[in-house]
Amino acid sequence: MSLVKKILAEKISSRKDEIDGFFAEKYSVTKPLFYASVDIRHSGYKIVPVDTNLFPAGFNLLTERQKQLATQQVKIYLEQNFSGKNKILIIPENHDRNKYYLQNVKTLKQIVEGAGTEVELGRIDIQNEVELETADGSFLKIQPINRTENKASASGFEPDLVIVNNDFSSG
């Protein structure tokens, strides 16, 4: 670790309670999103957020400890905001060939399932179930999403909640 990164890590660590208090205060006024990520650039003397992603990728880059923490946070978030809702449909991007994105989706699914929910993956652009290979050689099953009146389902799975990990920029 470079000296600058070490100093920065120490400063953040030493003010953890103050930082946590800041976020607790903000979250008491405005509930946090289910998830988001922020790209940060470090120039050596300042740190700047440069991009906020409302449909993040990169869950596959988390360490095992970070995945455990993410699972705990998802469980807390769901209990506080959606008590009793335990069937979740995740709508990923249509990146059939990007095995690392699919690995990200697999990890997101595992995190949400680890919080005590039942999870299915679905897409609106397919007519039949597809199996897609992830970067680790495993396969994800993606179900076609059907709409009946104002309800979405995926091959008979009727979700209580839908997590969108898709900006629908391709339509």
Foldseek 3Di string as FASTA:
>chain_A
DDPLVVVVVVVCVVCVVVVVVVVVVVCVVPPDDLDKDWDWDDPSPDIDTDDIGPQDFDLLVDDPVVLVVLLVVNLVVCCVPPNPFAEEEEEAAPCQPAQRRVSRVVSVCVSSVSSVHHYAYEYQPDDAWDWGAHPVGHTHIYFYWDDDPHFIAGPPRGGPYYHYSYPVPVD
